[in-house]
Amino acid sequence: MTNQQLTRETIVPFILDIFAKRGPESYLGEPVSMAEHMEQSAACAREDGASDELVVAALLHDIGHFIGDFPLDALENGTDNYHEDSGALILEQFYPAEISEPVKLHVAAKRYLCTVDASYHDKLSAASINSFNIQGGKMNAEEVAAFEANPHHKAAIKLRHYDDDGKIEGREIFSIDHYQPLLQSLLAK
């Protein structure tokens, strides 16, 4: 099934299938797989008392790595894969902006936090520092203003922290299958 053939009836099975097929792949030099990272990010959102929409955004924030036109190791090899854009393009067709916009902004949120909080950069993993540099580094004043003007920027900042915390080897979490009813219930009407 190609992205163009996705419908409201097929998007959730597509997400579950792509997690099953691509989820076990290595996550950019981190000690967890891609699926474990996204599932842990969702667990962090749940533990924080986030809305269902933000939990799903955390769960799907890196889905663009699976569906974009770049190989999974593009960032590791010095090429920006724009996974935030490709993920958001799929999600915005089926889910509300409270899900797709934080996904679209999660890379910008990392750049923003590194710009406005000098200590944030020091908390990033080596892989996140590498991708930060490839994805544009610190923001300029215009980029900061544009990010702050987006009504979903605060959710994106929260998502960014869940993303940072979702990299613990061996952590017990729910798999994507646990979220199937939520993925179905949040489909935009």
N, C-alpha and C. Protein backbone atom coordinates (compact mmCIF):
# COMPACT_ATOMS: atom_id res chain seq x y z
N MET A 1 0.85 -1.18 0.00
CA MET A 1 0.00 0.00 0.00
C MET A 1 0.90 1.24 0.00
N THR A 2 0.68 2.13 -0.92
CA THR A 2 1.44 3.37 -0.96
C THR A 2 0.72 4.43 -0.14
N ASN A 3 1.46 5.49 0.16
CA ASN A 3 0.88 6.57 0.95
C ASN A 3 -0.35 7.18 0.26
N GLN A 4 -0.36 7.20 -1.09
CA GLN A 4 -1.47 7.80 -1.82
C GLN A 4 -2.74 6.96 -1.69
N GLN A 5 -2.62 5.69 -1.37
CA GLN A 5 -3.77 4.80 -1.28
C GLN A 5 -4.36 4.76 0.14
N LEU A 6 -3.77 5.46 1.06
CA LEU A 6 -4.26 5.41 2.44
C LEU A 6 -5.62 6.09 2.55
N THR A 7 -6.45 5.49 3.38
CA THR A 7 -7.78 6.03 3.65
C THR A 7 -8.00 6.01 5.16
N ARG A 8 -9.10 6.56 5.56
CA ARG A 8 -9.47 6.55 6.98
C ARG A 8 -9.56 5.12 7.50
N GLU A 9 -9.97 4.19 6.66
CA GLU A 9 -10.11 2.79 7.06
C GLU A 9 -8.76 2.05 7.09
N THR A 10 -7.79 2.53 6.32
CA THR A 10 -6.53 1.80 6.21
C THR A 10 -5.36 2.42 6.97
N ILE A 11 -5.50 3.64 7.46
CA ILE A 11 -4.35 4.31 8.09
C ILE A 11 -3.88 3.59 9.35
N VAL A 12 -4.78 3.16 10.21
CA VAL A 12 -4.34 2.50 11.44
C VAL A 12 -3.68 1.15 11.13
N PRO A 13 -4.27 0.31 10.27
CA PRO A 13 -3.54 -0.91 9.90
C PRO A 13 -2.18 -0.61 9.25
N PHE A 14 -2.11 0.45 8.45
CA PHE A 14 -0.83 0.86 7.85
C PHE A 14 0.20 1.19 8.92
N ILE A 15 -0.20 1.97 9.92
CA ILE A 15 0.71 2.34 11.01
C ILE A 15 1.18 1.09 11.76
N LEU A 16 0.26 0.22 12.10
CA LEU A 16 0.64 -1.01 12.82
C LEU A 16 1.57 -1.87 11.98
N ASP A 17 1.29 -1.97 10.68
CA ASP A 17 2.12 -2.78 9.79
C ASP A 17 3.53 -2.20 9.64
N ILE A 18 3.61 -0.89 9.49
CA ILE A 18 4.93 -0.27 9.30
C ILE A 18 5.76 -0.36 10.59
N PHE A 19 5.10 -0.28 11.74
CA PHE A 19 5.82 -0.50 13.00
C PHE A 19 6.36 -1.92 13.07
N ALA A 20 5.54 -2.89 12.65
CA ALA A 20 5.98 -4.29 12.68
C ALA A 20 7.15 -4.52 11.73
N LYS A 21 7.09 -3.91 10.55
CA LYS A 21 8.13 -4.13 9.54
C LYS A 21 9.40 -3.33 9.82
N ARG A 22 9.26 -2.07 10.17
CA ARG A 22 10.42 -1.18 10.29
C ARG A 22 10.82 -0.89 11.73
N GLY A 23 9.92 -1.11 12.66
CA GLY A 23 10.17 -0.79 14.07
C GLY A 23 11.39 -1.44 14.68
N PRO A 24 11.70 -2.69 14.35
CA PRO A 24 12.88 -3.33 14.97
C PRO A 24 14.23 -2.76 14.50
N GLU A 25 14.20 -1.87 13.50
CA GLU A 25 15.45 -1.33 12.97
C GLU A 25 16.15 -0.46 14.01
N SER A 26 17.43 -0.34 13.85
CA SER A 26 18.26 0.47 14.73
C SER A 26 17.80 1.92 14.71
N TYR A 27 17.90 2.57 15.86
CA TYR A 27 17.48 3.97 15.96
C TYR A 27 18.69 4.89 16.05
N LEU A 28 19.26 5.21 14.92
CA LEU A 28 20.27 6.26 14.80
C LEU A 28 21.37 6.21 15.85
N GLY A 29 21.84 5.03 16.17
CA GLY A 29 22.93 4.91 17.14
C GLY A 29 22.49 4.91 18.60
N GLU A 30 21.19 4.92 18.85
CA GLU A 30 20.68 4.87 20.22
C GLU A 30 20.58 3.42 20.68
N PRO A 31 20.46 3.17 21.99
CA PRO A 31 20.44 1.79 22.50
C PRO A 31 19.08 1.10 22.38
N VAL A 32 18.14 1.69 21.66
CA VAL A 32 16.80 1.12 21.48
C VAL A 32 16.47 1.09 19.99
N SER A 33 15.49 0.28 19.63
CA SER A 33 15.02 0.25 18.25
C SER A 33 14.13 1.46 17.98
N MET A 34 13.79 1.66 16.72
CA MET A 34 12.89 2.76 16.36
C MET A 34 11.54 2.62 17.08
N ALA A 35 10.97 1.41 17.04
CA ALA A 35 9.67 1.20 17.69
C ALA A 35 9.78 1.43 19.19
N GLU A 36 10.80 0.87 19.82
CA GLU A 36 10.96 1.05 21.27
C GLU A 36 11.07 2.53 21.62
N HIS A 37 11.80 3.28 20.80
CA HIS A 37 11.95 4.71 21.06
C HIS A 37 10.60 5.42 21.02
N MET A 38 9.81 5.15 20.00
CA MET A 38 8.52 5.84 19.88
C MET A 38 7.55 5.36 20.95
N GLU A 39 7.56 4.07 21.25
CA GLU A 39 6.69 3.55 22.31
C GLU A 39 7.10 4.10 23.68
N GLN A 40 8.41 4.25 23.91
CA GLN A 40 8.86 4.86 25.17
C GLN A 40 8.48 6.33 25.24
N SER A 41 8.56 7.03 24.12
CA SER A 41 8.16 8.44 24.10
C SER A 41 6.69 8.57 24.47
N ALA A 42 5.85 7.67 23.95
CA ALA A 42 4.42 7.67 24.31
C ALA A 42 4.24 7.37 25.79
N ALA A 43 5.03 6.45 26.32
CA ALA A 43 4.95 6.13 27.75
C ALA A 43 5.32 7.35 28.59
N CYS A 44 6.32 8.09 28.16
CA CYS A 44 6.71 9.31 28.88
C CYS A 44 5.56 10.33 28.87
N ALA A 45 4.89 10.45 27.73
CA ALA A 45 3.75 11.36 27.64
C ALA A 45 2.63 10.92 28.58
N ARG A 46 2.35 9.63 28.61
CA ARG A 46 1.32 9.10 29.51
C ARG A 46 1.67 9.40 30.96
N GLU A 47 2.92 9.13 31.32
CA GLU A 47 3.38 9.36 32.71
C GLU A 47 3.28 10.83 33.09
N ASP A 48 3.40 11.71 32.10
CA ASP A 48 3.34 13.15 32.34
C ASP A 48 1.89 13.65 32.38
N GLY A 49 0.93 12.76 32.11
CA GLY A 49 -0.47 13.18 32.12
C GLY A 49 -0.87 13.95 30.87
N ALA A 50 -0.16 13.74 29.78
CA ALA A 50 -0.44 14.44 28.53
C ALA A 50 -1.80 14.03 27.98
N SER A 51 -2.33 14.87 27.11
CA SER A 51 -3.59 14.56 26.43
C SER A 51 -3.41 13.33 25.55
N ASP A 52 -4.52 12.70 25.19
CA ASP A 52 -4.45 11.56 24.27
C ASP A 52 -3.78 11.95 22.95
N GLU A 53 -4.08 13.16 22.49
CA GLU A 53 -3.49 13.62 21.22
C GLU A 53 -1.97 13.72 21.32
N LEU A 54 -1.48 14.23 22.44
CA LEU A 54 -0.03 14.35 22.60
C LEU A 54 0.63 12.99 22.80
N VAL A 55 -0.07 12.06 23.43
CA VAL A 55 0.44 10.69 23.56
C VAL A 55 0.61 10.08 22.17
N VAL A 56 -0.39 10.26 21.31
CA VAL A 56 -0.30 9.72 19.95
C VAL A 56 0.78 10.44 19.16
N ALA A 57 0.91 11.75 19.33
CA ALA A 57 1.99 12.47 18.66
C ALA A 57 3.35 11.91 19.09
N ALA A 58 3.51 11.64 20.38
CA ALA A 58 4.76 11.06 20.87
C ALA A 58 4.98 9.67 20.28
N LEU A 59 3.91 8.90 20.19
CA LEU A 59 4.00 7.55 19.64
C LEU A 59 4.40 7.57 18.16
N LEU A 60 3.94 8.56 17.42
CA LEU A 60 4.14 8.59 15.97
C LEU A 60 5.14 9.64 15.50
N HIS A 61 5.83 10.31 16.44
CA HIS A 61 6.66 11.45 16.04
C HIS A 61 7.76 11.13 15.04
N ASP A 62 8.28 9.92 15.05
CA ASP A 62 9.36 9.56 14.13
C ASP A 62 8.90 8.64 13.00
N ILE A 63 7.60 8.55 12.76
CA ILE A 63 7.11 7.67 11.70
C ILE A 63 7.64 8.08 10.33
N GLY A 64 8.01 9.33 10.19
CA GLY A 64 8.59 9.81 8.93
C GLY A 64 9.87 9.11 8.55
N HIS A 65 10.58 8.56 9.54
CA HIS A 65 11.78 7.76 9.22
C HIS A 65 11.40 6.53 8.41
N PHE A 66 10.19 6.02 8.63
CA PHE A 66 9.73 4.81 7.96
C PHE A 66 9.17 5.07 6.57
N ILE A 67 8.64 6.27 6.34
CA ILE A 67 7.88 6.51 5.12
C ILE A 67 8.49 7.55 4.20
N GLY A 68 9.58 8.16 4.60
CA GLY A 68 10.20 9.18 3.76
C GLY A 68 10.98 8.57 2.61
N ASP A 69 11.56 9.44 1.81
CA ASP A 69 12.31 9.01 0.63
C ASP A 69 13.79 8.75 0.93
N PHE A 70 14.20 8.90 2.19
CA PHE A 70 15.59 8.74 2.55
C PHE A 70 15.81 7.42 3.28
N PRO A 71 17.01 6.84 3.20
CA PRO A 71 17.28 5.63 3.99
C PRO A 71 17.28 5.96 5.48
N LEU A 72 16.99 4.95 6.30
CA LEU A 72 16.90 5.15 7.75
C LEU A 72 18.17 5.75 8.32
N ASP A 73 19.32 5.42 7.76
CA ASP A 73 20.58 5.92 8.31
C ASP A 73 21.04 7.24 7.70
N ALA A 74 20.15 7.95 7.02
CA ALA A 74 20.51 9.22 6.37
C ALA A 74 21.12 10.21 7.36
N LEU A 75 20.46 10.40 8.51
CA LEU A 75 20.99 11.35 9.50
C LEU A 75 22.36 10.92 10.01
N GLU A 76 22.51 9.62 10.25
CA GLU A 76 23.81 9.13 10.72
C GLU A 76 24.91 9.39 9.70
N ASN A 77 24.51 9.44 8.42
CA ASN A 77 25.48 9.64 7.34
C ASN A 77 25.54 11.09 6.87
N GLY A 78 24.96 12.01 7.65
CA GLY A 78 25.12 13.43 7.36
C GLY A 78 24.09 14.06 6.45
N THR A 79 22.97 13.40 6.19
CA THR A 79 21.93 13.96 5.33
C THR A 79 20.64 14.14 6.12
N ASP A 80 20.09 15.35 6.07
CA ASP A 80 18.81 15.59 6.73
C ASP A 80 17.72 14.86 5.95
N ASN A 81 16.95 14.04 6.63
CA ASN A 81 15.90 13.27 5.96
C ASN A 81 14.51 13.92 6.07
N TYR A 82 14.41 15.03 6.77
CA TYR A 82 13.16 15.77 6.90
C TYR A 82 12.01 14.86 7.34
N HIS A 83 12.34 13.93 8.25
CA HIS A 83 11.33 12.96 8.70
C HIS A 83 10.15 13.62 9.39
N GLU A 84 10.36 14.77 10.01
CA GLU A 84 9.27 15.46 10.67
C GLU A 84 8.22 15.91 9.65
N ASP A 85 8.68 16.34 8.48
CA ASP A 85 7.76 16.77 7.43
C ASP A 85 7.01 15.60 6.80
N SER A 86 7.75 14.53 6.46
CA SER A 86 7.08 13.39 5.81
C SER A 86 6.10 12.72 6.77
N GLY A 87 6.44 12.65 8.05
CA GLY A 87 5.50 12.08 9.03
C GLY A 87 4.26 12.94 9.16
N ALA A 88 4.45 14.24 9.28
CA ALA A 88 3.32 15.15 9.44
C ALA A 88 2.42 15.16 8.21
N LEU A 89 3.00 15.03 7.03
CA LEU A 89 2.20 15.02 5.80
C LEU A 89 1.21 13.87 5.77
N ILE A 90 1.63 12.72 6.27
CA ILE A 90 0.71 11.58 6.33
C ILE A 90 -0.32 11.80 7.45
N LEU A 91 0.17 12.17 8.63
CA LEU A 91 -0.71 12.27 9.79
C LEU A 91 -1.77 13.35 9.64
N GLU A 92 -1.43 14.48 9.03
CA GLU A 92 -2.40 15.57 8.92
C GLU A 92 -3.59 15.21 8.02
N GLN A 93 -3.44 14.19 7.21
CA GLN A 93 -4.57 13.75 6.37
C GLN A 93 -5.64 13.03 7.19
N PHE A 94 -5.25 12.50 8.36
CA PHE A 94 -6.16 11.63 9.11
C PHE A 94 -6.37 12.05 10.56
N TYR A 95 -5.46 12.85 11.09
CA TYR A 95 -5.51 13.20 12.52
C TYR A 95 -5.56 14.71 12.69
N PRO A 96 -6.08 15.16 13.83
CA PRO A 96 -6.17 16.61 14.08
C PRO A 96 -4.78 17.24 14.23
N ALA A 97 -4.76 18.55 14.11
CA ALA A 97 -3.50 19.30 14.23
C ALA A 97 -2.82 19.09 15.57
N GLU A 98 -3.58 18.75 16.61
CA GLU A 98 -2.99 18.50 17.93
C GLU A 98 -2.05 17.29 17.90
N ILE A 99 -2.15 16.48 16.86
CA ILE A 99 -1.23 15.35 16.66
C ILE A 99 -0.19 15.69 15.59
N SER A 100 -0.64 16.11 14.43
CA SER A 100 0.29 16.31 13.31
C SER A 100 1.24 17.50 13.51
N GLU A 101 0.78 18.56 14.12
CA GLU A 101 1.64 19.74 14.28
C GLU A 101 2.81 19.51 15.25
N PRO A 102 2.60 18.91 16.43
CA PRO A 102 3.78 18.62 17.27
C PRO A 102 4.77 17.68 16.57
N VAL A 103 4.25 16.73 15.77
CA VAL A 103 5.15 15.86 15.01
C VAL A 103 5.97 16.71 14.04
N LYS A 104 5.30 17.59 13.33
CA LYS A 104 5.97 18.46 12.36
C LYS A 104 7.00 19.37 13.03
N LEU A 105 6.74 19.76 14.27
CA LEU A 105 7.59 20.73 14.96
C LEU A 105 8.63 20.11 15.90
N HIS A 106 8.70 18.78 16.03
CA HIS A 106 9.57 18.23 17.07
C HIS A 106 11.05 18.45 16.79
N VAL A 107 11.46 18.54 15.54
CA VAL A 107 12.86 18.86 15.22
C VAL A 107 13.10 20.35 15.49
N ALA A 108 12.18 21.19 15.08
CA ALA A 108 12.30 22.62 15.36
C ALA A 108 12.35 22.87 16.87
N ALA A 109 11.61 22.07 17.64
CA ALA A 109 11.63 22.23 19.10
C ALA A 109 13.01 21.95 19.67
N LYS A 110 13.70 20.97 19.12
CA LYS A 110 15.08 20.70 19.58
C LYS A 110 15.98 21.90 19.27
N ARG A 111 15.87 22.40 18.07
CA ARG A 111 16.67 23.57 17.67
C ARG A 111 16.32 24.78 18.55
N TYR A 112 15.04 24.95 18.81
CA TYR A 112 14.57 26.06 19.65
C TYR A 112 15.14 25.94 21.06
N LEU A 113 15.00 24.77 21.66
CA LEU A 113 15.48 24.58 23.03
C LEU A 113 16.99 24.78 23.13
N CYS A 114 17.72 24.34 22.14
CA CYS A 114 19.17 24.56 22.14
C CYS A 114 19.51 26.04 22.01
N THR A 115 18.63 26.80 21.40
CA THR A 115 18.84 28.24 21.21
C THR A 115 18.51 29.03 22.47
N VAL A 116 17.40 28.70 23.12
CA VAL A 116 16.93 29.51 24.25
C VAL A 116 17.39 28.99 25.61
N ASP A 117 17.90 27.77 25.67
CA ASP A 117 18.34 27.16 26.94
C ASP A 117 19.72 26.54 26.74
N ALA A 118 20.74 27.24 27.18
CA ALA A 118 22.12 26.80 26.96
C ALA A 118 22.39 25.41 27.54
N SER A 119 21.70 25.05 28.61
CA SER A 119 21.95 23.75 29.24
C SER A 119 21.27 22.59 28.51
N TYR A 120 20.28 22.88 27.68
CA TYR A 120 19.55 21.81 27.00
C TYR A 120 20.47 21.00 26.07
N HIS A 121 21.31 21.68 25.32
CA HIS A 121 22.21 20.99 24.38
C HIS A 121 23.05 19.94 25.10
N ASP A 122 23.49 20.25 26.31
CA ASP A 122 24.35 19.32 27.06
C ASP A 122 23.61 18.06 27.50
N LYS A 123 22.28 18.08 27.48
CA LYS A 123 21.48 16.92 27.89
C LYS A 123 21.22 15.96 26.72
N LEU A 124 21.52 16.39 25.50
CA LEU A 124 21.23 15.57 24.32
C LEU A 124 22.20 14.40 24.20
N SER A 125 21.70 13.30 23.66
CA SER A 125 22.55 12.15 23.37
C SER A 125 23.48 12.51 22.20
N ALA A 126 24.51 11.73 22.02
CA ALA A 126 25.45 11.97 20.91
C ALA A 126 24.73 11.94 19.57
N ALA A 127 23.80 10.99 19.40
CA ALA A 127 23.05 10.91 18.15
C ALA A 127 22.18 12.14 17.94
N SER A 128 21.57 12.66 19.02
CA SER A 128 20.73 13.86 18.90
C SER A 128 21.56 15.09 18.59
N ILE A 129 22.76 15.16 19.14
CA ILE A 129 23.65 16.28 18.82
C ILE A 129 24.04 16.23 17.34
N ASN A 130 24.35 15.04 16.85
CA ASN A 130 24.69 14.89 15.44
C ASN A 130 23.53 15.34 14.56
N SER A 131 22.33 14.86 14.85
CA SER A 131 21.18 15.24 14.02
C SER A 131 20.85 16.72 14.17
N PHE A 132 21.03 17.28 15.37
CA PHE A 132 20.82 18.72 15.59
C PHE A 132 21.69 19.54 14.63
N ASN A 133 22.94 19.16 14.51
CA ASN A 133 23.85 19.89 13.62
C ASN A 133 23.43 19.75 12.16
N ILE A 134 23.00 18.57 11.76
CA ILE A 134 22.57 18.33 10.38
C ILE A 134 21.26 19.05 10.09
N GLN A 135 20.39 19.16 11.08
CA GLN A 135 19.06 19.74 10.90
C GLN A 135 19.05 21.27 11.00
N GLY A 136 20.20 21.87 11.12
CA GLY A 136 20.25 23.33 11.07
C GLY A 136 20.84 24.02 12.28
N GLY A 137 21.10 23.29 13.35
CA GLY A 137 21.70 23.90 14.54
C GLY A 137 20.78 24.90 15.19
N LYS A 138 21.38 25.85 15.88
CA LYS A 138 20.58 26.86 16.59
C LYS A 138 19.77 27.70 15.62
N MET A 139 18.63 28.17 16.11
CA MET A 139 17.75 29.03 15.33
C MET A 139 18.24 30.47 15.34
N ASN A 140 17.91 31.20 14.29
CA ASN A 140 18.14 32.64 14.31
C ASN A 140 16.89 33.30 14.91
N ALA A 141 16.92 34.61 15.09
CA ALA A 141 15.82 35.32 15.75
C ALA A 141 14.50 35.15 15.01
N GLU A 142 14.54 35.16 13.68
CA GLU A 142 13.31 35.00 12.90
C GLU A 142 12.73 33.60 13.09
N GLU A 143 13.58 32.59 13.13
CA GLU A 143 13.11 31.23 13.33
C GLU A 143 12.50 31.06 14.72
N VAL A 144 13.12 31.66 15.72
CA VAL A 144 12.58 31.60 17.09
C VAL A 144 11.20 32.23 17.11
N ALA A 145 11.06 33.41 16.51
CA ALA A 145 9.77 34.10 16.49
C ALA A 145 8.71 33.27 15.76
N ALA A 146 9.06 32.68 14.64
CA ALA A 146 8.11 31.86 13.88
C ALA A 146 7.70 30.63 14.69
N PHE A 147 8.66 29.99 15.35
CA PHE A 147 8.34 28.82 16.17
C PHE A 147 7.39 29.20 17.29
N GLU A 148 7.70 30.28 18.01
CA GLU A 148 6.87 30.71 19.13
C GLU A 148 5.47 31.16 18.68
N ALA A 149 5.34 31.59 17.43
CA ALA A 149 4.04 32.04 16.91
C ALA A 149 3.11 30.87 16.57
N ASN A 150 3.67 29.68 16.42
CA ASN A 150 2.84 28.52 16.10
C ASN A 150 2.04 28.12 17.33
N PRO A 151 0.73 27.98 17.22
CA PRO A 151 -0.09 27.65 18.39
C PRO A 151 0.23 26.27 19.01
N HIS A 152 0.98 25.45 18.31
CA HIS A 152 1.30 24.11 18.82
C HIS A 152 2.74 24.00 19.32
N HIS A 153 3.42 25.13 19.47
CA HIS A 153 4.84 25.06 19.85
C HIS A 153 5.05 24.53 21.27
N LYS A 154 4.14 24.82 22.18
CA LYS A 154 4.31 24.31 23.55
C LYS A 154 4.14 22.80 23.60
N ALA A 155 3.20 22.27 22.82
CA ALA A 155 3.04 20.81 22.74
C ALA A 155 4.28 20.19 22.10
N ALA A 156 4.84 20.86 21.10
CA ALA A 156 6.05 20.35 20.45
C ALA A 156 7.23 20.31 21.42
N ILE A 157 7.31 21.29 22.31
CA ILE A 157 8.38 21.30 23.32
C ILE A 157 8.20 20.12 24.27
N LYS A 158 6.98 19.88 24.69
CA LYS A 158 6.73 18.71 25.55
C LYS A 158 7.11 17.43 24.81
N LEU A 159 6.67 17.32 23.56
CA LEU A 159 7.01 16.15 22.75
C LEU A 159 8.52 15.98 22.65
N ARG A 160 9.22 17.08 22.49
CA ARG A 160 10.69 17.02 22.39
C ARG A 160 11.29 16.38 23.64
N HIS A 161 10.77 16.74 24.81
CA HIS A 161 11.29 16.15 26.05
C HIS A 161 10.95 14.66 26.14
N TYR A 162 9.75 14.28 25.69
CA TYR A 162 9.41 12.85 25.67
C TYR A 162 10.34 12.12 24.71
N ASP A 163 10.63 12.74 23.59
CA ASP A 163 11.55 12.18 22.60
C ASP A 163 12.92 11.96 23.24
N ASP A 164 13.41 12.94 23.96
CA ASP A 164 14.72 12.83 24.61
C ASP A 164 14.75 11.72 25.66
N ASP A 165 13.63 11.54 26.35
CA ASP A 165 13.58 10.56 27.45
C ASP A 165 13.25 9.14 26.98
N GLY A 166 12.87 8.97 25.73
CA GLY A 166 12.46 7.67 25.22
C GLY A 166 13.59 6.87 24.61
N LYS A 167 14.68 6.72 25.35
CA LYS A 167 15.86 6.04 24.79
C LYS A 167 16.54 5.15 25.82
N ILE A 168 15.74 4.48 26.65
CA ILE A 168 16.29 3.68 27.74
C ILE A 168 16.23 2.19 27.39
N GLU A 169 17.37 1.60 27.27
CA GLU A 169 17.45 0.18 26.91
C GLU A 169 16.76 -0.68 27.96
N GLY A 170 15.88 -1.58 27.50
CA GLY A 170 15.23 -2.53 28.39
C GLY A 170 14.04 -2.02 29.16
N ARG A 171 13.63 -0.80 28.94
CA ARG A 171 12.48 -0.24 29.67
C ARG A 171 11.20 -0.97 29.25
N GLU A 172 10.39 -1.33 30.22
CA GLU A 172 9.12 -2.01 29.97
C GLU A 172 8.06 -0.98 29.60
N ILE A 173 7.46 -1.16 28.45
CA ILE A 173 6.45 -0.22 27.96
C ILE A 173 5.39 -0.99 27.17
N PHE A 174 4.30 -0.29 26.86
CA PHE A 174 3.28 -0.87 25.99
C PHE A 174 3.77 -0.83 24.56
N SER A 175 3.43 -1.86 23.79
CA SER A 175 3.74 -1.86 22.36
C SER A 175 2.68 -1.05 21.62
N ILE A 176 2.94 -0.80 20.37
CA ILE A 176 2.01 -0.03 19.54
C ILE A 176 0.61 -0.64 19.52
N ASP A 177 0.52 -1.96 19.59
CA ASP A 177 -0.79 -2.61 19.55
C ASP A 177 -1.71 -2.13 20.68
N HIS A 178 -1.12 -1.80 21.81
CA HIS A 178 -1.90 -1.29 22.95
C HIS A 178 -2.63 0.00 22.57
N TYR A 179 -2.05 0.78 21.68
CA TYR A 179 -2.58 2.09 21.31
C TYR A 179 -3.56 2.03 20.14
N GLN A 180 -3.81 0.84 19.59
CA GLN A 180 -4.70 0.74 18.42
C GLN A 180 -6.06 1.39 18.65
N PRO A 181 -6.75 1.12 19.78
CA PRO A 181 -8.04 1.78 19.98
C PRO A 181 -7.93 3.30 20.02
N LEU A 182 -6.87 3.81 20.61
CA LEU A 182 -6.68 5.25 20.68
C LEU A 182 -6.39 5.83 19.28
N LEU A 183 -5.54 5.15 18.53
CA LEU A 183 -5.26 5.58 17.16
C LEU A 183 -6.55 5.64 16.34
N GLN A 184 -7.42 4.69 16.54
CA GLN A 184 -8.70 4.64 15.82
C GLN A 184 -9.64 5.74 16.30
N SER A 185 -9.71 5.94 17.59
CA SER A 185 -10.68 6.90 18.14
C SER A 185 -10.32 8.35 17.84
N LEU A 186 -9.05 8.63 17.61
CA LEU A 186 -8.63 10.02 17.38
C LEU A 186 -8.61 10.42 15.90
N LEU A 187 -8.97 9.50 15.02
CA LEU A 187 -9.05 9.86 13.61
C LEU A 187 -9.97 11.07 13.46
N ALA A 188 -9.52 12.04 12.67
CA ALA A 188 -10.32 13.24 12.44
C ALA A 188 -11.62 12.87 11.76
N LYS A 189 -12.65 13.55 12.13
CA LYS A 189 -13.96 13.25 11.57
C LYS A 189 -14.18 14.00 10.28
